[in-house]
Amino acid sequence: MATPIVLPKLGNTVESSIIMQWHKAIGDDVAVGDILCEVETDKATVEVESTAAGTLLAQFFEEGDDVPVMVNIAAVGAPGEPVDDLRPDAADPAPPAPPAMPEPIPAPAATPAPTHTNGDMLRISPRARNLAQRKQIDVSAVTGTGPLGRIIERDIEAAMRTQPSVTPVAKAMLNTGEFVAPETGTGSRGRITKADLIPATSTAPAAKPAASDNIEAIPLKGIRKTIARRMLESLTTTAQLTMSASADARGVLGLRKWLKQSPASLGLQSVTINDIVMYGVVQTLVDFPEMNTIFENNTMYRYSDVHLGFAVDTPQGLIVPVIHDANLMNLMQLATEAHRLAQACTDGKILPDELSGGTFTVSNLGSLGIEVFTPVLNPPQVGILGIGAITQKPVQTEDGYDFVPHMTLSLTINHQVVDGAPAARFLKQVCENITNIRDI
């Protein structure tokens, strides 16, 4: 019997993945562990290995398809083995036909459902009502085939086969009553995912742009779709406050110059200004646990170890890998790990575990000449630091004024759990540590 190859669940929050490339063609020999295809999750590109040996008998999806997790994507077995029963779109068995009525008595035709005295607009059996509630079926659109037009269990089952499926996460969100589902989703075969749900307070459809040959329609999917969703969630679920300060950058520039001039055998020449600043941030977070915190389910989780996320610009979009236990690393170790993770993001080879578990994030736009910006929180973290460009700032001296290079730092906090004063003290200490980076 042929063996199905299932698209694995690549992370706790991953609902679907896009098949980017098949590495095996139908008819190819496959061994356990061979790479069958590459898929793009909402975070990274991952290789899917075969869990069976034999011949690749079928590919149930094409390149570019958005496939729900835990669904059969291929079949492996001996040549000629049937695979139709493994197809994810295999037809469900037809519902049992209603029992035939005695010949002398004609079967009653379905009639409009009368109004109950308790206010119900439809006649529906208890079992049918319970099934409809569990499966999120709108009973007002179901035609009953029971006596006097009563909706019975088989009517709900029939409605389930005509309605698009809903992912478990989306179903849980629908149960809160805060969201409504569209008629069809963006998942495979119209499956509704959590990204498709619409807040109950804003269900009006957006106006479509006028048709034009000069407009390119680009649907959001993969990493770009996740960025759009997370940015909106960040701004609508947290109370964000941003404050800015500047740090004397002479110490950072001096250390960077010294590292560039160090012997190549030491391996220090590749350390960047961003690495140096991140090192200073990590050392500061150790003394400010209120900033090294996760806020979930009305509970604050304060970490003693620093798991530093940092924003990486890639061809696929913004990705935030995490340097785990950054507080246990020296500058060279931190820089080496940061470069490895950044390269993995750019190559699309970052692992799901390397994108999770962050307790604080750093975002650097200074290399692009941006002096000040408002970084957006990366929930459930309560803080993110934006690093701006180094510019000359006038500083008063005994003889007048000198122009001294300064770096602007912008701290965004979740004001739900972090007050302005402790956040300001943290930002002040970050500036001092960066100014005196050679001493920490």
Protein backbone atom coordinates (compact mmCIF):
# COMPACT_ATOMS: atom_id res chain seq x y z
CA MET A 1 0.00 0.00 0.00
CA ALA A 2 1.30 3.46 -0.89
CA THR A 3 2.51 5.70 1.95
CA PRO A 4 1.40 9.34 2.18
CA ILE A 5 3.97 12.10 2.69
CA VAL A 6 2.48 14.66 5.06
CA LEU A 7 3.42 18.34 5.17
CA PRO A 8 4.75 18.65 8.74
CA LYS A 9 3.77 21.38 11.17
CA LEU A 10 6.89 23.57 11.04
CA GLY A 11 6.38 25.59 14.23
CA ASN A 12 3.57 26.14 16.69
CA THR A 13 1.97 29.02 14.78
CA VAL A 14 2.45 27.76 11.21
CA GLU A 15 -0.90 26.92 9.57
CA SER A 16 0.20 26.46 5.97
CA SER A 17 3.25 26.49 3.72
CA ILE A 18 3.82 27.37 0.08
CA ILE A 19 5.49 24.69 -2.08
CA MET A 20 8.38 26.54 -3.70
CA GLN A 21 10.11 23.72 -5.60
CA TRP A 22 9.80 19.97 -6.05
CA HIS A 23 13.19 18.22 -5.96
CA LYS A 24 11.78 14.83 -6.95
CA ALA A 25 9.59 14.12 -9.99
CA ILE A 26 6.86 11.50 -10.27
CA GLY A 27 8.53 8.19 -11.03
CA ASP A 28 11.80 9.00 -9.26
CA ASP A 29 13.23 6.59 -6.71
CA VAL A 30 13.06 7.98 -3.18
CA ALA A 31 14.85 6.95 0.00
CA VAL A 32 13.96 7.85 3.54
CA GLY A 33 15.48 11.28 4.25
CA ASP A 34 15.65 12.39 0.62
CA ILE A 35 14.58 16.00 0.04
CA LEU A 36 11.23 15.92 -1.74
CA CYS A 37 10.53 19.65 -1.93
CA GLU A 38 11.20 23.06 -0.47
CA VAL A 39 8.35 24.93 1.22
CA GLU A 40 8.08 28.48 2.46
CA THR A 41 6.40 28.98 5.80
CA ASP A 42 5.38 32.36 7.13
CA LYS A 43 8.91 32.64 8.54
CA ALA A 44 11.44 30.76 6.44
CA THR A 45 12.14 28.25 3.68
CA VAL A 46 12.34 24.64 4.88
CA GLU A 47 13.20 21.37 3.16
CA VAL A 48 10.66 18.52 3.47
CA GLU A 49 12.18 15.05 3.67
CA SER A 50 10.61 11.79 2.58
CA THR A 51 9.40 9.56 5.40
CA ALA A 52 9.12 6.49 3.16
CA ALA A 53 11.21 4.64 0.57
CA GLY A 54 10.07 3.61 -2.87
CA THR A 55 8.88 5.40 -6.00
CA LEU A 56 7.30 8.86 -5.96
CA LEU A 57 3.85 7.94 -7.23
CA ALA A 58 2.05 11.28 -7.02
CA GLN A 59 2.40 14.94 -6.17
CA PHE A 60 -0.92 16.24 -4.87
CA PHE A 61 0.06 19.93 -5.13
CA GLU A 62 1.94 22.06 -7.61
CA GLU A 63 4.70 24.60 -7.05
CA GLY A 64 3.16 27.80 -5.75
CA ASP A 65 0.26 26.11 -3.94
CA ASP A 66 -0.44 27.22 -0.37
CA VAL A 67 -0.94 23.93 1.49
CA PRO A 68 -2.36 23.47 5.02
CA VAL A 69 -0.06 21.68 7.45
CA MET A 70 -0.66 17.99 8.23
CA VAL A 71 -2.09 17.39 4.73
CA ASN A 72 -0.86 14.74 2.29
CA ILE A 73 1.34 16.36 -0.35
CA ALA A 74 2.67 13.25 -2.08
CA ALA A 75 2.59 9.46 -2.11
CA VAL A 76 5.48 6.98 -2.16
CA GLY A 77 5.22 3.25 -2.81
CA ALA A 78 5.66 0.50 -5.39
CA PRO A 79 4.97 1.34 -9.05
CA GLY A 80 1.32 0.88 -9.93
CA GLU A 81 -0.05 1.12 -6.40
CA PRO A 82 -3.29 3.14 -6.17
CA VAL A 83 -3.07 6.58 -4.53
CA ASP A 84 -6.55 8.01 -5.06
CA ASP A 85 -7.57 7.32 -1.46
CA LEU A 86 -4.58 9.37 -0.27
CA ARG A 87 -5.49 12.51 -2.19
CA PRO A 88 -6.43 15.35 0.17
CA ASP A 89 -9.36 16.27 -2.06
CA ALA A 90 -10.76 12.74 -2.15
CA ALA A 91 -14.55 12.91 -2.18
CA ASP A 92 -16.26 12.36 1.15
CA PRO A 93 -18.78 9.51 1.22
CA ALA A 94 -22.28 10.61 0.30
CA PRO A 95 -24.69 11.04 3.21
CA PRO A 96 -27.11 8.19 3.75
CA ALA A 97 -30.36 8.60 1.90
CA PRO A 98 -33.43 9.27 4.06
CA PRO A 99 -35.54 6.19 4.65
CA ALA A 100 -38.20 5.59 2.02
CA MET A 101 -41.74 6.49 3.04
CA PRO A 102 -44.49 3.88 2.74
CA GLU A 103 -45.97 3.83 -0.74
CA PRO A 104 -49.50 4.99 0.17
CA ILE A 105 -48.16 8.00 2.07
CA PRO A 106 -46.22 10.52 -0.05
CA ALA A 107 -43.05 11.98 1.46
CA PRO A 108 -43.73 15.45 2.81
CA ALA A 109 -42.15 18.31 0.90
CA ALA A 110 -39.83 20.68 2.72
CA THR A 111 -41.76 23.67 3.96
CA PRO A 112 -40.63 27.03 5.29
CA ALA A 113 -39.61 26.67 8.89
CA PRO A 114 -42.21 28.16 11.23
CA THR A 115 -41.36 30.40 14.14
CA HIS A 116 -41.07 28.75 17.54
CA THR A 117 -42.69 30.28 20.55
CA ASN A 118 -39.27 30.58 22.18
CA GLY A 119 -38.05 32.88 19.42
CA ASP A 120 -36.14 30.36 17.26
CA MET A 121 -36.59 31.04 13.56
CA LEU A 122 -35.91 27.45 12.51
CA ARG A 123 -36.99 23.97 13.53
CA ILE A 124 -33.80 22.06 14.36
CA SER A 125 -33.10 18.90 16.30
CA PRO A 126 -30.83 19.07 19.37
CA ARG A 127 -28.18 16.88 17.73
CA ALA A 128 -28.20 19.03 14.62
CA ARG A 129 -27.93 22.22 16.68
CA ASN A 130 -24.97 20.86 18.68
CA LEU A 131 -23.18 19.78 15.50
CA ALA A 132 -23.79 23.16 13.87
CA GLN A 133 -22.36 24.97 16.89
CA ARG A 134 -19.27 22.77 16.97
CA LYS A 135 -18.62 23.14 13.23
CA GLN A 136 -19.53 26.86 13.00
CA ILE A 137 -22.39 26.22 10.52
CA ASP A 138 -24.93 29.00 9.91
CA VAL A 139 -28.22 27.12 10.38
CA SER A 140 -30.26 29.95 8.86
CA ALA A 141 -28.88 28.98 5.44
CA VAL A 142 -29.63 25.26 5.83
CA THR A 143 -32.74 23.64 4.34
CA GLY A 144 -34.25 20.95 6.55
CA THR A 145 -35.26 17.57 5.18
CA GLY A 146 -36.86 16.26 8.36
CA PRO A 147 -40.57 16.21 9.14
CA LEU A 148 -42.21 19.62 8.59
CA GLY A 149 -38.91 20.99 7.28
CA ARG A 150 -37.03 20.35 10.50
CA ILE A 151 -33.23 20.53 10.25
CA ILE A 152 -31.70 17.24 11.29
CA GLU A 153 -28.12 16.03 11.67
CA ARG A 154 -27.67 14.91 8.06
CA ASP A 155 -28.61 18.42 6.85
CA ILE A 156 -25.76 19.92 8.88
CA GLU A 157 -23.37 17.26 7.57
CA ALA A 158 -24.40 18.13 4.01
CA ALA A 159 -23.81 21.85 4.73
CA MET A 160 -20.35 21.04 6.07
CA ARG A 161 -19.36 19.54 2.74
CA THR A 162 -20.34 22.69 0.85
CA GLN A 163 -18.63 25.17 3.18
CA PRO A 164 -14.86 25.85 3.17
CA SER A 165 -12.84 24.21 5.93
CA VAL A 166 -11.40 26.26 8.78
CA THR A 167 -8.02 25.77 10.45
CA PRO A 168 -8.03 24.91 14.18
CA VAL A 169 -6.48 28.28 15.13
CA ALA A 170 -9.03 30.20 13.05
CA LYS A 171 -11.87 28.16 14.54
CA ALA A 172 -10.72 29.02 18.08
CA MET A 173 -10.64 32.72 17.15
CA LEU A 174 -14.14 32.51 15.68
CA ASN A 175 -15.41 30.99 18.91
CA THR A 176 -14.48 34.21 20.75
CA GLY A 177 -17.10 36.14 18.76
CA GLU A 178 -14.54 38.86 17.99
CA PHE A 179 -14.01 37.76 14.38
CA VAL A 180 -16.09 36.71 11.39
CA ALA A 181 -15.05 34.47 8.52
CA PRO A 182 -15.19 35.37 4.82
CA GLU A 183 -17.01 33.12 2.35
CA THR A 184 -13.72 31.62 1.23
CA GLY A 185 -10.17 31.72 2.54
CA THR A 186 -6.72 32.14 1.02
CA GLY A 187 -5.59 28.67 2.03
CA SER A 188 -5.50 25.67 -0.22
CA ARG A 189 -8.93 25.02 -1.81
CA GLY A 190 -10.45 27.99 -0.04
CA ARG A 191 -9.47 26.92 3.48
CA ILE A 192 -9.97 29.75 5.96
CA THR A 193 -6.91 30.57 8.10
CA LYS A 194 -6.55 32.98 10.98
CA ALA A 195 -5.09 35.58 8.61
CA ASP A 196 -8.39 35.59 6.67
CA LEU A 197 -10.55 36.45 9.68
CA ILE A 198 -12.09 39.90 9.85
CA PRO A 199 -12.62 41.81 13.13
CA ALA A 200 -16.33 41.79 13.93
CA THR A 201 -16.28 45.58 14.28
CA SER A 202 -14.97 46.09 10.75
CA THR A 203 -16.62 43.83 8.20
CA ALA A 204 -17.18 46.29 5.36
CA PRO A 205 -15.34 45.11 2.22
CA ALA A 206 -12.58 47.36 0.94
CA ALA A 207 -13.15 49.15 -2.33
CA LYS A 208 -11.25 47.64 -5.23
CA PRO A 209 -9.02 49.89 -7.35
CA ALA A 210 -10.20 50.71 -10.83
CA ALA A 211 -9.00 48.29 -13.48
CA SER A 212 -5.86 49.47 -15.24
CA ASP A 213 -3.12 47.94 -17.35
CA ASN A 214 -0.59 49.82 -15.20
CA ILE A 215 -1.52 48.10 -11.94
CA GLU A 216 0.07 44.87 -10.80
CA ALA A 217 -2.00 42.86 -8.31
CA ILE A 218 0.29 41.11 -5.83
CA PRO A 219 -1.52 38.95 -3.26
CA LEU A 220 0.13 38.76 0.14
CA LYS A 221 1.45 35.34 1.01
CA GLY A 222 4.26 33.66 2.88
CA ILE A 223 6.56 35.92 4.88
CA ARG A 224 5.07 39.14 3.48
CA LYS A 225 1.59 38.09 4.62
CA THR A 226 2.90 37.32 8.10
CA ILE A 227 4.63 40.70 8.35
CA ALA A 228 1.38 42.47 7.43
CA ARG A 229 -0.60 40.51 10.02
CA ARG A 230 1.94 40.87 12.83
CA MET A 231 2.40 44.61 12.31
CA LEU A 232 -1.35 45.15 12.54
CA GLU A 233 -1.64 42.89 15.57
CA SER A 234 1.25 44.72 17.24
CA LEU A 235 -0.41 48.11 16.91
CA THR A 236 -3.91 46.94 17.83
CA THR A 237 -3.06 44.73 20.82
CA THR A 238 -0.41 46.78 22.65
CA ALA A 239 -0.12 50.31 24.06
CA GLN A 240 3.03 51.52 22.32
CA LEU A 241 5.12 54.45 23.51
CA THR A 242 8.39 55.54 21.91
CA MET A 243 11.15 57.66 23.44
CA SER A 244 14.49 58.68 21.93
CA ALA A 245 17.94 59.65 23.19
CA SER A 246 21.41 59.93 21.71
CA ALA A 247 24.65 58.24 22.70
CA ASP A 248 28.18 59.47 22.19
CA ALA A 249 29.45 57.22 19.38
CA ARG A 250 33.18 57.94 19.72
CA GLY A 251 33.71 54.82 21.83
CA VAL A 252 31.91 52.60 19.32
CA LEU A 253 33.77 54.10 16.36
CA GLY A 254 37.10 53.82 18.18
CA LEU A 255 36.52 50.17 19.08
CA ARG A 256 35.40 49.39 15.54
CA LYS A 257 38.58 51.00 14.14
CA TRP A 258 40.76 49.02 16.54
CA LEU A 259 39.05 45.76 15.59
CA LYS A 260 39.48 46.48 11.86
CA GLN A 261 43.22 46.99 12.43
CA SER A 262 43.63 43.86 14.57
CA PRO A 263 45.52 40.83 13.18
CA ALA A 264 43.40 38.75 10.81
CA SER A 265 44.28 35.65 12.81
CA LEU A 266 42.13 36.95 15.69
CA GLY A 267 39.02 36.98 13.50
CA LEU A 268 37.87 40.34 14.89
CA GLN A 269 37.86 42.35 11.68
CA SER A 270 34.33 41.26 10.76
CA VAL A 271 32.74 42.72 13.92
CA THR A 272 30.37 45.52 12.89
CA ILE A 273 29.05 48.61 14.64
CA ASN A 274 25.70 46.85 14.92
CA ASP A 275 27.37 43.92 16.71
CA ILE A 276 29.01 46.30 19.17
CA VAL A 277 25.74 48.11 19.90
CA MET A 278 23.86 44.83 20.35
CA TYR A 279 26.53 43.71 22.81
CA GLY A 280 26.01 46.90 24.81
CA VAL A 281 22.22 46.39 24.77
CA VAL A 282 22.56 42.82 26.04
CA GLN A 283 24.76 43.88 28.95
CA THR A 284 22.19 46.54 29.88
CA LEU A 285 19.22 44.14 29.71
CA VAL A 286 20.84 41.94 32.35
CA ASP A 287 20.35 44.77 34.86
CA PHE A 288 16.83 45.69 33.67
CA PRO A 289 14.73 42.49 33.81
CA GLU A 290 11.51 44.51 33.38
CA MET A 291 12.62 45.14 29.78
CA ASN A 292 13.69 41.52 29.22
CA THR A 293 10.11 40.36 29.59
CA ILE A 294 7.34 38.54 27.71
CA PHE A 295 3.71 39.60 28.27
CA GLU A 296 1.10 36.94 27.48
CA ASN A 297 -2.35 36.14 28.86
CA ASN A 298 -2.17 39.05 31.33
CA THR A 299 1.00 37.57 32.82
CA MET A 300 4.56 38.98 32.73
CA TYR A 301 7.39 36.48 32.33
CA ARG A 302 10.75 37.99 33.28
CA TYR A 303 13.85 36.26 31.94
CA SER A 304 17.27 36.14 33.57
CA ASP A 305 18.92 35.19 30.26
CA VAL A 306 18.75 37.50 27.24
CA HIS A 307 17.46 36.05 23.97
CA LEU A 308 18.09 38.91 21.57
CA GLY A 309 16.12 39.24 18.34
CA PHE A 310 17.48 41.47 15.59
CA ALA A 311 15.80 42.57 12.38
CA VAL A 312 17.27 41.30 9.10
CA ASP A 313 16.31 42.68 5.69
CA THR A 314 16.05 39.81 3.20
CA PRO A 315 14.69 39.41 -0.35
CA GLN A 316 11.69 37.63 1.19
CA GLY A 317 10.99 40.46 3.66
CA LEU A 318 11.76 41.32 7.27
CA ILE A 319 12.91 38.37 9.39
CA VAL A 320 13.85 38.47 13.08
CA PRO A 321 16.23 35.66 14.12
CA VAL A 322 17.11 35.22 17.80
CA ILE A 323 20.53 35.01 19.46
CA HIS A 324 19.72 32.71 22.37
CA ASP A 325 21.59 33.21 25.67
CA ALA A 326 23.29 36.30 24.28
CA ASN A 327 24.26 37.39 27.80
CA LEU A 328 26.60 34.38 28.06
CA MET A 329 28.57 35.42 24.95
CA ASN A 330 31.53 37.73 24.54
CA LEU A 331 31.56 40.27 21.71
CA MET A 332 33.19 37.94 19.19
CA GLN A 333 30.81 35.06 19.95
CA LEU A 334 27.79 37.34 19.65
CA ALA A 335 29.02 38.79 16.35
CA THR A 336 29.72 35.34 14.92
CA GLU A 337 26.25 34.06 15.82
CA ALA A 338 24.58 37.21 14.49
CA HIS A 339 26.36 36.87 11.14
CA ARG A 340 25.47 33.17 10.90
CA LEU A 341 21.79 33.82 11.57
CA ALA A 342 21.63 36.78 9.20
CA GLN A 343 23.16 34.72 6.40
CA ALA A 344 20.72 31.87 7.05
CA CYS A 345 17.83 34.35 6.78
CA THR A 346 19.15 35.73 3.50
CA ASP A 347 19.64 32.22 2.09
CA GLY A 348 16.18 31.13 3.25
CA LYS A 349 17.68 28.37 5.41
CA ILE A 350 16.82 29.70 8.85
CA LEU A 351 15.26 27.10 11.16
CA PRO A 352 11.95 27.69 12.97
CA ASP A 353 13.62 27.34 16.39
CA GLU A 354 16.05 30.12 15.45
CA LEU A 355 13.12 32.50 14.92
CA SER A 356 11.37 31.95 18.24
CA GLY A 357 11.95 32.62 21.91
CA GLY A 358 13.16 36.22 21.69
CA THR A 359 12.82 38.43 24.78
CA PHE A 360 13.92 41.78 23.28
CA THR A 361 14.56 43.03 19.73
CA VAL A 362 16.97 45.46 18.08
CA SER A 363 16.31 47.06 14.68
CA ASN A 364 19.01 49.04 12.87
CA LEU A 365 18.16 51.45 10.06
CA GLY A 366 21.20 53.63 10.68
CA SER A 367 23.15 51.91 7.90
CA LEU A 368 20.52 53.25 5.48
CA GLY A 369 20.99 56.81 6.71
CA ILE A 370 17.86 56.94 8.88
CA GLU A 371 18.56 59.08 11.92
CA VAL A 372 15.35 58.59 13.95
CA PHE A 373 12.42 56.18 13.51
CA THR A 374 9.68 54.53 15.55
CA PRO A 375 10.31 50.79 15.82
CA VAL A 376 7.17 48.63 16.10
CA LEU A 377 6.97 46.13 18.94
CA ASN A 378 7.46 42.44 18.29
CA PRO A 379 4.78 40.97 20.62
CA PRO A 380 4.76 39.34 23.09
CA GLN A 381 8.00 41.22 23.81
CA VAL A 382 7.57 44.49 25.69
CA GLY A 383 10.49 46.42 24.20
CA ILE A 384 12.34 47.07 20.95
CA LEU A 385 15.28 49.39 20.33
CA GLY A 386 15.76 51.25 17.06
CA ILE A 387 19.33 52.21 16.10
CA GLY A 388 19.72 55.33 13.97
CA ALA A 389 22.57 56.72 11.89
CA ILE A 390 25.65 58.31 13.45
CA THR A 391 25.60 62.07 12.93
CA GLN A 392 27.55 65.03 14.24
CA LYS A 393 25.98 66.75 17.27
CA PRO A 394 27.18 70.03 18.82
CA VAL A 395 28.42 69.55 22.38
CA GLN A 396 29.30 72.42 24.71
CA THR A 397 32.91 72.56 25.95
CA GLU A 398 34.93 74.99 28.04
CA ASP A 399 36.08 76.72 24.85
CA GLY A 400 32.71 76.76 23.10
CA TYR A 401 31.25 73.90 21.08
CA ASP A 402 32.64 70.77 19.46
CA PHE A 403 30.88 68.54 16.98
CA VAL A 404 30.84 65.00 18.35
CA PRO A 405 29.48 61.91 16.56
CA HIS A 406 26.27 60.67 18.20
CA MET A 407 23.95 57.76 17.57
CA THR A 408 20.19 58.16 18.07
CA LEU A 409 18.44 55.32 19.90
CA SER A 410 14.64 54.99 19.91
CA LEU A 411 12.99 52.70 22.44
CA THR A 412 9.40 51.51 21.96
CA ILE A 413 7.71 49.88 24.96
CA ASN A 414 4.40 48.26 25.73
CA HIS A 415 2.99 50.79 28.16
CA GLN A 416 0.55 48.18 29.44
CA VAL A 417 3.31 46.63 31.54
CA VAL A 418 6.29 49.02 31.33
CA ASP A 419 6.05 52.54 32.73
CA GLY A 420 7.80 55.51 31.19
CA ALA A 421 10.26 56.15 34.03
CA PRO A 422 11.88 52.68 34.17
CA ALA A 423 11.97 52.60 30.36
CA ALA A 424 13.72 55.98 30.35
CA ARG A 425 16.25 54.74 32.92
CA PHE A 426 16.93 51.71 30.74
CA LEU A 427 17.42 53.86 27.64
CA LYS A 428 19.72 56.21 29.56
CA GLN A 429 21.84 53.27 30.73
CA VAL A 430 22.03 51.88 27.17
CA CYS A 431 23.40 55.25 26.03
CA GLU A 432 25.94 55.28 28.85
CA ASN A 433 27.07 51.73 28.13
CA ILE A 434 27.48 52.48 24.44
CA THR A 435 29.41 55.64 25.25
CA ASN A 436 31.71 53.63 27.52
CA ILE A 437 31.63 50.43 25.44
CA ARG A 438 35.31 49.66 26.06
CA ASP A 439 34.65 49.42 29.79
CA ILE A 440 31.84 46.82 29.76
